[in-house]
Amino acid sequence: MTTDTTRMRDIVARIRSAKDEYHRLEYDEPDPQVLNPPALPADLARLAQRVGHALPESYASFLSLHDGWLNFDGGAMILPTGEHAKPW
């Protein structure tokens, strides 16, 4: 595991924990956030091709750990690699 991946794993864990703690205090229930399984290298390559340039390292690092984060903030999400081509 690279240093970037280790750092990203720690950042995600801290954000998830803070969001869960806030949600429990505010609503007395766990936060409904969902972290997807890792994106495959081929998924990352397709996304980079789709957007026309290399993905930012931090975003690629996040996607290599979790291919999206559902219910990240209310109904908003961090898009999975396969969702970028769909119309909004």
PDB file of N, CA and C in Angstrom:
ATOM      1  N   MET A   1       0.849  -1.168   0.000  1.00  0.00           N
ATOM      2  CA  MET A   1       0.000   0.000   0.000  1.00  0.00           C
ATOM      3  C   MET A   1       0.901   1.240   0.000  1.00  0.00           C
ATOM      4  N   THR A   2       0.612   2.175  -0.895  1.00  0.00           N
ATOM      5  CA  THR A   2       1.429   3.371  -0.997  1.00  0.00           C
ATOM      6  C   THR A   2       1.099   4.344   0.125  1.00  0.00           C
ATOM      7  N   THR A   3       1.970   5.312   0.299  1.00  0.00           N
ATOM      8  CA  THR A   3       1.745   6.343   1.304  1.00  0.00           C
ATOM      9  C   THR A   3       0.482   7.130   0.987  1.00  0.00           C
ATOM     10  N   ASP A   4       0.244   7.448  -0.308  1.00  0.00           N
ATOM     11  CA  ASP A   4      -0.969   8.178  -0.693  1.00  0.00           C
ATOM     12  C   ASP A   4      -2.220   7.386  -0.335  1.00  0.00           C
ATOM     13  N   THR A   5      -2.187   6.077  -0.584  1.00  0.00           N
ATOM     14  CA  THR A   5      -3.339   5.238  -0.281  1.00  0.00           C
ATOM     15  C   THR A   5      -3.571   5.163   1.225  1.00  0.00           C
ATOM     16  N   THR A   6      -2.501   5.026   1.974  1.00  0.00           N
ATOM     17  CA  THR A   6      -2.611   4.983   3.431  1.00  0.00           C
ATOM     18  C   THR A   6      -3.173   6.293   3.954  1.00  0.00           C
ATOM     19  N   ARG A   7      -2.693   7.401   3.424  1.00  0.00           N
ATOM     20  CA  ARG A   7      -3.178   8.718   3.839  1.00  0.00           C
ATOM     21  C   ARG A   7      -4.658   8.885   3.490  1.00  0.00           C
ATOM     22  N   MET A   8      -5.036   8.478   2.276  1.00  0.00           N
ATOM     23  CA  MET A   8      -6.428   8.599   1.863  1.00  0.00           C
ATOM     24  C   MET A   8      -7.324   7.713   2.727  1.00  0.00           C
ATOM     25  N   ARG A   9      -6.871   6.514   3.048  1.00  0.00           N
ATOM     26  CA  ARG A   9      -7.655   5.619   3.910  1.00  0.00           C
ATOM     27  C   ARG A   9      -7.909   6.285   5.266  1.00  0.00           C
ATOM     28  N   ASP A  10      -6.890   6.959   5.810  1.00  0.00           N
ATOM     29  CA  ASP A  10      -7.018   7.647   7.094  1.00  0.00           C
ATOM     30  C   ASP A  10      -7.983   8.827   6.982  1.00  0.00           C
ATOM     31  N   ILE A  11      -7.883   9.596   5.916  1.00  0.00           N
ATOM     32  CA  ILE A  11      -8.778  10.746   5.715  1.00  0.00           C
ATOM     33  C   ILE A  11     -10.227  10.284   5.620  1.00  0.00           C
ATOM     34  N   VAL A  12     -10.458   9.244   4.825  1.00  0.00           N
ATOM     35  CA  VAL A  12     -11.827   8.725   4.662  1.00  0.00           C
ATOM     36  C   VAL A  12     -12.365   8.221   6.003  1.00  0.00           C
ATOM     37  N   ALA A  13     -11.545   7.529   6.756  1.00  0.00           N
ATOM     38  CA  ALA A  13     -11.985   7.004   8.055  1.00  0.00           C
ATOM     39  C   ALA A  13     -12.354   8.143   9.001  1.00  0.00           C
ATOM     40  N   ARG A  14     -11.556   9.213   9.004  1.00  0.00           N
ATOM     41  CA  ARG A  14     -11.847  10.342   9.889  1.00  0.00           C
ATOM     42  C   ARG A  14     -13.120  11.074   9.470  1.00  0.00           C
ATOM     43  N   ILE A  15     -13.299  11.277   8.155  1.00  0.00           N
ATOM     44  CA  ILE A  15     -14.525  11.939   7.676  1.00  0.00           C
ATOM     45  C   ILE A  15     -15.742  11.079   8.002  1.00  0.00           C
ATOM     46  N   ARG A  16     -15.634   9.791   7.723  1.00  0.00           N
ATOM     47  CA  ARG A  16     -16.770   8.895   7.979  1.00  0.00           C
ATOM     48  C   ARG A  16     -17.142   8.892   9.462  1.00  0.00           C
ATOM     49  N   SER A  17     -16.138   8.846  10.320  1.00  0.00           N
ATOM     50  CA  SER A  17     -16.375   8.833  11.759  1.00  0.00           C
ATOM     51  C   SER A  17     -17.029  10.132  12.216  1.00  0.00           C
ATOM     52  N   ALA A  18     -16.545  11.263  11.726  1.00  0.00           N
ATOM     53  CA  ALA A  18     -17.109  12.553  12.109  1.00  0.00           C
ATOM     54  C   ALA A  18     -18.554  12.682  11.621  1.00  0.00           C
ATOM     55  N   LYS A  19     -18.811  12.249  10.381  1.00  0.00           N
ATOM     56  CA  LYS A  19     -20.167  12.312   9.847  1.00  0.00           C
ATOM     57  C   LYS A  19     -21.104  11.407  10.647  1.00  0.00           C
ATOM     58  N   ASP A  20     -20.633  10.225  11.006  1.00  0.00           N
ATOM     59  CA  ASP A  20     -21.460   9.297  11.767  1.00  0.00           C
ATOM     60  C   ASP A  20     -21.748   9.850  13.168  1.00  0.00           C
ATOM     61  N   GLU A  21     -20.730  10.426  13.805  1.00  0.00           N
ATOM     62  CA  GLU A  21     -20.929  10.993  15.137  1.00  0.00           C
ATOM     63  C   GLU A  21     -21.941  12.145  15.082  1.00  0.00           C
ATOM     64  N   TYR A  22     -21.794  13.033  14.099  1.00  0.00           N
ATOM     65  CA  TYR A  22     -22.741  14.143  13.956  1.00  0.00           C
ATOM     66  C   TYR A  22     -24.158  13.615  13.736  1.00  0.00           C
ATOM     67  N   HIS A  23     -24.286  12.645  12.839  1.00  0.00           N
ATOM     68  CA  HIS A  23     -25.614  12.121  12.520  1.00  0.00           C
ATOM     69  C   HIS A  23     -26.266  11.470  13.747  1.00  0.00           C
ATOM     70  N   ARG A  24     -25.464  10.761  14.531  1.00  0.00           N
ATOM     71  CA  ARG A  24     -26.005  10.132  15.750  1.00  0.00           C
ATOM     72  C   ARG A  24     -26.460  11.194  16.762  1.00  0.00           C
ATOM     73  N   LEU A  25     -25.673  12.268  16.900  1.00  0.00           N
ATOM     74  CA  LEU A  25     -26.049  13.331  17.830  1.00  0.00           C
ATOM     75  C   LEU A  25     -27.288  14.086  17.349  1.00  0.00           C
ATOM     76  N   GLU A  26     -27.360  14.346  16.057  1.00  0.00           N
ATOM     77  CA  GLU A  26     -28.457  15.134  15.496  1.00  0.00           C
ATOM     78  C   GLU A  26     -29.742  14.319  15.341  1.00  0.00           C
ATOM     79  N   TYR A  27     -29.628  13.069  14.892  1.00  0.00           N
ATOM     80  CA  TYR A  27     -30.811  12.268  14.543  1.00  0.00           C
ATOM     81  C   TYR A  27     -30.977  10.997  15.372  1.00  0.00           C
ATOM     82  N   ASP A  28     -30.023  10.719  16.254  1.00  0.00           N
ATOM     83  CA  ASP A  28     -30.053   9.526  17.104  1.00  0.00           C
ATOM     84  C   ASP A  28     -30.116   8.230  16.289  1.00  0.00           C
ATOM     85  N   GLU A  29     -29.394   8.230  15.178  1.00  0.00           N
ATOM     86  CA  GLU A  29     -29.291   7.028  14.338  1.00  0.00           C
ATOM     87  C   GLU A  29     -28.005   7.127  13.528  1.00  0.00           C
ATOM     88  N   PRO A  30     -27.510   5.997  13.013  1.00  0.00           N
ATOM     89  CA  PRO A  30     -26.278   6.037  12.221  1.00  0.00           C
ATOM     90  C   PRO A  30     -26.498   6.771  10.894  1.00  0.00           C
ATOM     91  N   ASP A  31     -25.438   7.363  10.394  1.00  0.00           N
ATOM     92  CA  ASP A  31     -25.483   8.048   9.101  1.00  0.00           C
ATOM     93  C   ASP A  31     -25.649   7.004   7.994  1.00  0.00           C
ATOM     94  N   PRO A  32     -26.548   7.233   7.023  1.00  0.00           N
ATOM     95  CA  PRO A  32     -26.799   6.232   5.981  1.00  0.00           C
ATOM     96  C   PRO A  32     -25.767   6.221   4.856  1.00  0.00           C
ATOM     97  N   GLN A  33     -24.595   6.799   5.090  1.00  0.00           N
ATOM     98  CA  GLN A  33     -23.568   6.842   4.050  1.00  0.00           C
ATOM     99  C   GLN A  33     -23.096   5.438   3.669  1.00  0.00           C
ATOM    100  N   VAL A  34     -22.741   5.275   2.400  1.00  0.00           N
ATOM    101  CA  VAL A  34     -22.285   3.981   1.895  1.00  0.00           C
ATOM    102  C   VAL A  34     -21.022   4.189   1.076  1.00  0.00           C
ATOM    103  N   LEU A  35     -19.949   3.550   1.488  1.00  0.00           N
ATOM    104  CA  LEU A  35     -18.705   3.562   0.713  1.00  0.00           C
ATOM    105  C   LEU A  35     -18.691   2.328  -0.183  1.00  0.00           C
ATOM    106  N   ASN A  36     -18.550   2.551  -1.469  1.00  0.00           N
ATOM    107  CA  ASN A  36     -18.525   1.441  -2.430  1.00  0.00           C
ATOM    108  C   ASN A  36     -17.203   0.688  -2.367  1.00  0.00           C
ATOM    109  N   PRO A  37     -17.175  -0.530  -2.913  1.00  0.00           N
ATOM    110  CA  PRO A  37     -15.910  -1.260  -3.017  1.00  0.00           C
ATOM    111  C   PRO A  37     -14.960  -0.533  -3.976  1.00  0.00           C
ATOM    112  N   PRO A  38     -13.697  -0.926  -4.009  1.00  0.00           N
ATOM    113  CA  PRO A  38     -12.707  -0.243  -4.852  1.00  0.00           C
ATOM    114  C   PRO A  38     -13.047  -0.292  -6.343  1.00  0.00           C
ATOM    115  N   ALA A  39     -12.642   0.772  -7.043  1.00  0.00           N
ATOM    116  CA  ALA A  39     -12.723   0.780  -8.504  1.00  0.00           C
ATOM    117  C   ALA A  39     -11.573  -0.070  -9.048  1.00  0.00           C
ATOM    118  N   LEU A  40     -11.814  -0.698 -10.161  1.00  0.00           N
ATOM    119  CA  LEU A  40     -10.764  -1.465 -10.820  1.00  0.00           C
ATOM    120  C   LEU A  40      -9.864  -0.519 -11.605  1.00  0.00           C
ATOM    121  N   PRO A  41      -8.600  -0.889 -11.830  1.00  0.00           N
ATOM    122  CA  PRO A  41      -7.717  -0.046 -12.641  1.00  0.00           C
ATOM    123  C   PRO A  41      -8.320   0.283 -14.013  1.00  0.00           C
ATOM    124  N   ALA A  42      -9.024  -0.674 -14.608  1.00  0.00           N
ATOM    125  CA  ALA A  42      -9.661  -0.425 -15.910  1.00  0.00           C
ATOM    126  C   ALA A  42     -10.751   0.645 -15.794  1.00  0.00           C
ATOM    127  N   ASP A  43     -11.467   0.682 -14.654  1.00  0.00           N
ATOM    128  CA  ASP A  43     -12.486   1.715 -14.428  1.00  0.00           C
ATOM    129  C   ASP A  43     -11.844   3.096 -14.356  1.00  0.00           C
ATOM    130  N   LEU A  44     -10.713   3.187 -13.661  1.00  0.00           N
ATOM    131  CA  LEU A  44     -10.001   4.459 -13.547  1.00  0.00           C
ATOM    132  C   LEU A  44      -9.498   4.917 -14.914  1.00  0.00           C
ATOM    133  N   ALA A  45      -8.994   3.978 -15.714  1.00  0.00           N
ATOM    134  CA  ALA A  45      -8.498   4.315 -17.056  1.00  0.00           C
ATOM    135  C   ALA A  45      -9.633   4.796 -17.952  1.00  0.00           C
ATOM    136  N   ARG A  46     -10.784   4.137 -17.888  1.00  0.00           N
ATOM    137  CA  ARG A  46     -11.940   4.564 -18.686  1.00  0.00           C
ATOM    138  C   ARG A  46     -12.409   5.961 -18.284  1.00  0.00           C
ATOM    139  N   LEU A  47     -12.425   6.229 -16.993  1.00  0.00           N
ATOM    140  CA  LEU A  47     -12.852   7.545 -16.529  1.00  0.00           C
ATOM    141  C   LEU A  47     -11.872   8.622 -16.997  1.00  0.00           C
ATOM    142  N   ALA A  48     -10.585   8.359 -16.876  1.00  0.00           N
ATOM    143  CA  ALA A  48      -9.585   9.329 -17.345  1.00  0.00           C
ATOM    144  C   ALA A  48      -9.743   9.583 -18.846  1.00  0.00           C
ATOM    145  N   GLN A  49     -10.007   8.542 -19.596  1.00  0.00           N
ATOM    146  CA  GLN A  49     -10.216   8.696 -21.039  1.00  0.00           C
ATOM    147  C   GLN A  49     -11.492   9.508 -21.292  1.00  0.00           C
ATOM    148  N   ARG A  50     -12.527   9.239 -20.531  1.00  0.00           N
ATOM    149  CA  ARG A  50     -13.797   9.929 -20.698  1.00  0.00           C
ATOM    150  C   ARG A  50     -13.664  11.427 -20.428  1.00  0.00           C
ATOM    151  N   VAL A  51     -12.897  11.805 -19.390  1.00  0.00           N
ATOM    152  CA  VAL A  51     -12.755  13.228 -19.071  1.00  0.00           C
ATOM    153  C   VAL A  51     -11.638  13.892 -19.870  1.00  0.00           C
ATOM    154  N   GLY A  52     -10.824  13.099 -20.532  1.00  0.00           N
ATOM    155  CA  GLY A  52      -9.822  13.649 -21.440  1.00  0.00           C
ATOM    156  C   GLY A  52      -8.498  14.028 -20.812  1.00  0.00           C
ATOM    157  N   HIS A  53      -8.254  13.621 -19.579  1.00  0.00           N
ATOM    158  CA  HIS A  53      -6.956  13.876 -18.940  1.00  0.00           C
ATOM    159  C   HIS A  53      -6.816  12.965 -17.718  1.00  0.00           C
ATOM    160  N   ALA A  54      -5.625  12.936 -17.178  1.00  0.00           N
ATOM    161  CA  ALA A  54      -5.377  12.101 -15.999  1.00  0.00           C
ATOM    162  C   ALA A  54      -6.222  12.599 -14.824  1.00  0.00           C
ATOM    163  N   LEU A  55      -6.673  11.675 -14.004  1.00  0.00           N
ATOM    164  CA  LEU A  55      -7.427  12.041 -12.809  1.00  0.00           C
ATOM    165  C   LEU A  55      -6.478  12.648 -11.778  1.00  0.00           C
ATOM    166  N   PRO A  56      -6.951  13.608 -10.992  1.00  0.00           N
ATOM    167  CA  PRO A  56      -6.116  14.104  -9.891  1.00  0.00           C
ATOM    168  C   PRO A  56      -5.710  12.931  -8.991  1.00  0.00           C
ATOM    169  N   GLU A  57      -4.486  12.958  -8.512  1.00  0.00           N
ATOM    170  CA  GLU A  57      -3.977  11.835  -7.718  1.00  0.00           C
ATOM    171  C   GLU A  57      -4.847  11.528  -6.507  1.00  0.00           C
ATOM    172  N   SER A  58      -5.326  12.569  -5.835  1.00  0.00           N
ATOM    173  CA  SER A  58      -6.144  12.327  -4.638  1.00  0.00           C
ATOM    174  C   SER A  58      -7.463  11.650  -4.996  1.00  0.00           C
ATOM    175  N   TYR A  59      -8.055  12.038  -6.120  1.00  0.00           N
ATOM    176  CA  TYR A  59      -9.320  11.434  -6.542  1.00  0.00           C
ATOM    177  C   TYR A  59      -9.090   9.982  -6.974  1.00  0.00           C
ATOM    178  N   ALA A  60      -8.036   9.746  -7.738  1.00  0.00           N
ATOM    179  CA  ALA A  60      -7.706   8.373  -8.153  1.00  0.00           C
ATOM    180  C   ALA A  60      -7.414   7.499  -6.931  1.00  0.00           C
ATOM    181  N   SER A  61      -6.745   8.073  -5.945  1.00  0.00           N
ATOM    182  CA  SER A  61      -6.448   7.332  -4.716  1.00  0.00           C
ATOM    183  C   SER A  61      -7.744   6.980  -3.984  1.00  0.00           C
ATOM    184  N   PHE A  62      -8.665   7.943  -3.892  1.00  0.00           N
ATOM    185  CA  PHE A  62      -9.952   7.673  -3.259  1.00  0.00           C
ATOM    186  C   PHE A  62     -10.695   6.565  -4.000  1.00  0.00           C
ATOM    187  N   LEU A  63     -10.779   6.693  -5.337  1.00  0.00           N
ATOM    188  CA  LEU A  63     -11.520   5.703  -6.127  1.00  0.00           C
ATOM    189  C   LEU A  63     -10.880   4.313  -6.044  1.00  0.00           C
ATOM    190  N   SER A  64      -9.571   4.263  -5.875  1.00  0.00           N
ATOM    191  CA  SER A  64      -8.920   2.956  -5.755  1.00  0.00           C
ATOM    192  C   SER A  64      -9.264   2.280  -4.427  1.00  0.00           C
ATOM    193  N   LEU A  65      -9.750   3.066  -3.469  1.00  0.00           N
ATOM    194  CA  LEU A  65     -10.223   2.509  -2.195  1.00  0.00           C
ATOM    195  C   LEU A  65     -11.738   2.294  -2.201  1.00  0.00           C
ATOM    196  N   HIS A  66     -12.458   3.289  -2.760  1.00  0.00           N
ATOM    197  CA  HIS A  66     -13.923   3.273  -2.752  1.00  0.00           C
ATOM    198  C   HIS A  66     -14.420   3.897  -4.050  1.00  0.00           C
ATOM    199  N   ASP A  67     -15.088   3.123  -4.862  1.00  0.00           N
ATOM    200  CA  ASP A  67     -15.604   3.627  -6.133  1.00  0.00           C
ATOM    201  C   ASP A  67     -16.915   4.376  -5.892  1.00  0.00           C
ATOM    202  N   GLY A  68     -16.793   5.506  -5.208  1.00  0.00           N
ATOM    203  CA  GLY A  68     -17.941   6.334  -4.904  1.00  0.00           C
ATOM    204  C   GLY A  68     -18.334   6.267  -3.443  1.00  0.00           C
ATOM    205  N   TRP A  69     -19.088   7.285  -3.044  1.00  0.00           N
ATOM    206  CA  TRP A  69     -19.552   7.397  -1.655  1.00  0.00           C
ATOM    207  C   TRP A  69     -20.987   7.884  -1.716  1.00  0.00           C
ATOM    208  N   LEU A  70     -21.931   6.966  -1.510  1.00  0.00           N
ATOM    209  CA  LEU A  70     -23.352   7.296  -1.568  1.00  0.00           C
ATOM    210  C   LEU A  70     -23.776   7.977  -0.272  1.00  0.00           C
ATOM    211  N   ASN A  71     -24.714   8.899  -0.387  1.00  0.00           N
ATOM    212  CA  ASN A  71     -25.189   9.662   0.770  1.00  0.00           C
ATOM    213  C   ASN A  71     -24.044  10.360   1.496  1.00  0.00           C
ATOM    214  N   PHE A  72     -23.109  10.903   0.708  1.00  0.00           N
ATOM    215  CA  PHE A  72     -21.966  11.593   1.304  1.00  0.00           C
ATOM    216  C   PHE A  72     -22.420  12.791   2.124  1.00  0.00           C
ATOM    217  N   ASP A  73     -23.348  13.551   1.556  1.00  0.00           N
ATOM    218  CA  ASP A  73     -23.857  14.723   2.258  1.00  0.00           C
ATOM    219  C   ASP A  73     -25.317  14.897   1.873  1.00  0.00           C
ATOM    220  N   GLY A  74     -26.201  14.448   2.727  1.00  0.00           N
ATOM    221  CA  GLY A  74     -27.619  14.458   2.386  1.00  0.00           C
ATOM    222  C   GLY A  74     -27.840  13.484   1.247  1.00  0.00           C
ATOM    223  N   GLY A  75     -28.407  13.953   0.159  1.00  0.00           N
ATOM    224  CA  GLY A  75     -28.610  13.101  -1.011  1.00  0.00           C
ATOM    225  C   GLY A  75     -27.454  13.160  -1.992  1.00  0.00           C
ATOM    226  N   ALA A  76     -26.456  13.998  -1.714  1.00  0.00           N
ATOM    227  CA  ALA A  76     -25.312  14.133  -2.623  1.00  0.00           C
ATOM    228  C   ALA A  76     -24.367  12.949  -2.470  1.00  0.00           C
ATOM    229  N   MET A  77     -23.635  12.658  -3.530  1.00  0.00           N
ATOM    230  CA  MET A  77     -22.690  11.558  -3.482  1.00  0.00           C
ATOM    231  C   MET A  77     -21.398  11.931  -4.188  1.00  0.00           C
ATOM    232  N   ILE A  78     -20.348  11.205  -3.887  1.00  0.00           N
ATOM    233  CA  ILE A  78     -19.125  11.249  -4.684  1.00  0.00           C
ATOM    234  C   ILE A  78     -19.332  10.175  -5.733  1.00  0.00           C
ATOM    235  N   LEU A  79     -19.381  10.600  -6.983  1.00  0.00           N
ATOM    236  CA  LEU A  79     -19.785   9.698  -8.062  1.00  0.00           C
ATOM    237  C   LEU A  79     -18.854   8.501  -8.239  1.00  0.00           C
ATOM    238  N   PRO A  80     -19.424   7.318  -8.437  1.00  0.00           N
ATOM    239  CA  PRO A  80     -18.633   6.155  -8.843  1.00  0.00           C
ATOM    240  C   PRO A  80     -18.157   6.348 -10.289  1.00  0.00           C
ATOM    241  N   THR A  81     -17.144   5.635 -10.685  1.00  0.00           N
ATOM    242  CA  THR A  81     -16.569   5.792 -12.028  1.00  0.00           C
ATOM    243  C   THR A  81     -17.603   5.589 -13.122  1.00  0.00           C
ATOM    244  N   GLY A  82     -18.524   4.673 -12.959  1.00  0.00           N
ATOM    245  CA  GLY A  82     -19.514   4.383 -13.986  1.00  0.00           C
ATOM    246  C   GLY A  82     -20.632   5.402 -14.087  1.00  0.00           C
ATOM    247  N   GLU A  83     -20.737   6.321 -13.141  1.00  0.00           N
ATOM    248  CA  GLU A  83     -21.819   7.306 -13.131  1.00  0.00           C
ATOM    249  C   GLU A  83     -21.479   8.590 -13.878  1.00  0.00           C
ATOM    250  N   HIS A  84     -20.232   8.792 -14.215  1.00  0.00           N
ATOM    251  CA  HIS A  84     -19.816  10.062 -14.829  1.00  0.00           C
ATOM    252  C   HIS A  84     -20.391  10.264 -16.218  1.00  0.00           C
ATOM    253  N   ALA A  85     -20.704   9.197 -16.925  1.00  0.00           N
ATOM    254  CA  ALA A  85     -21.204   9.322 -18.292  1.00  0.00           C
ATOM    255  C   ALA A  85     -22.720   9.484 -18.341  1.00  0.00           C
ATOM    256  N   LYS A  86     -23.388   9.264 -17.234  1.00  0.00           N
ATOM    257  CA  LYS A  86     -24.857   9.341 -17.233  1.00  0.00           C
ATOM    258  C   LYS A  86     -25.315  10.791 -17.164  1.00  0.00           C
ATOM    259  N   PRO A  87     -26.430  11.107 -17.837  1.00  0.00           N
ATOM    260  CA  PRO A  87     -26.952  12.483 -17.744  1.00  0.00           C
ATOM    261  C   PRO A  87     -27.467  12.773 -16.340  1.00  0.00           C
ATOM    262  N   TRP A  88     -27.408  14.026 -15.956  1.00  0.00           N
ATOM    263  CA  TRP A  88     -27.866  14.427 -14.630  1.00  0.00           C
ATOM    264  C   TRP A  88     -29.271  14.816 -14.715  1.00  0.00           C
TER     265      TRP A  88
END
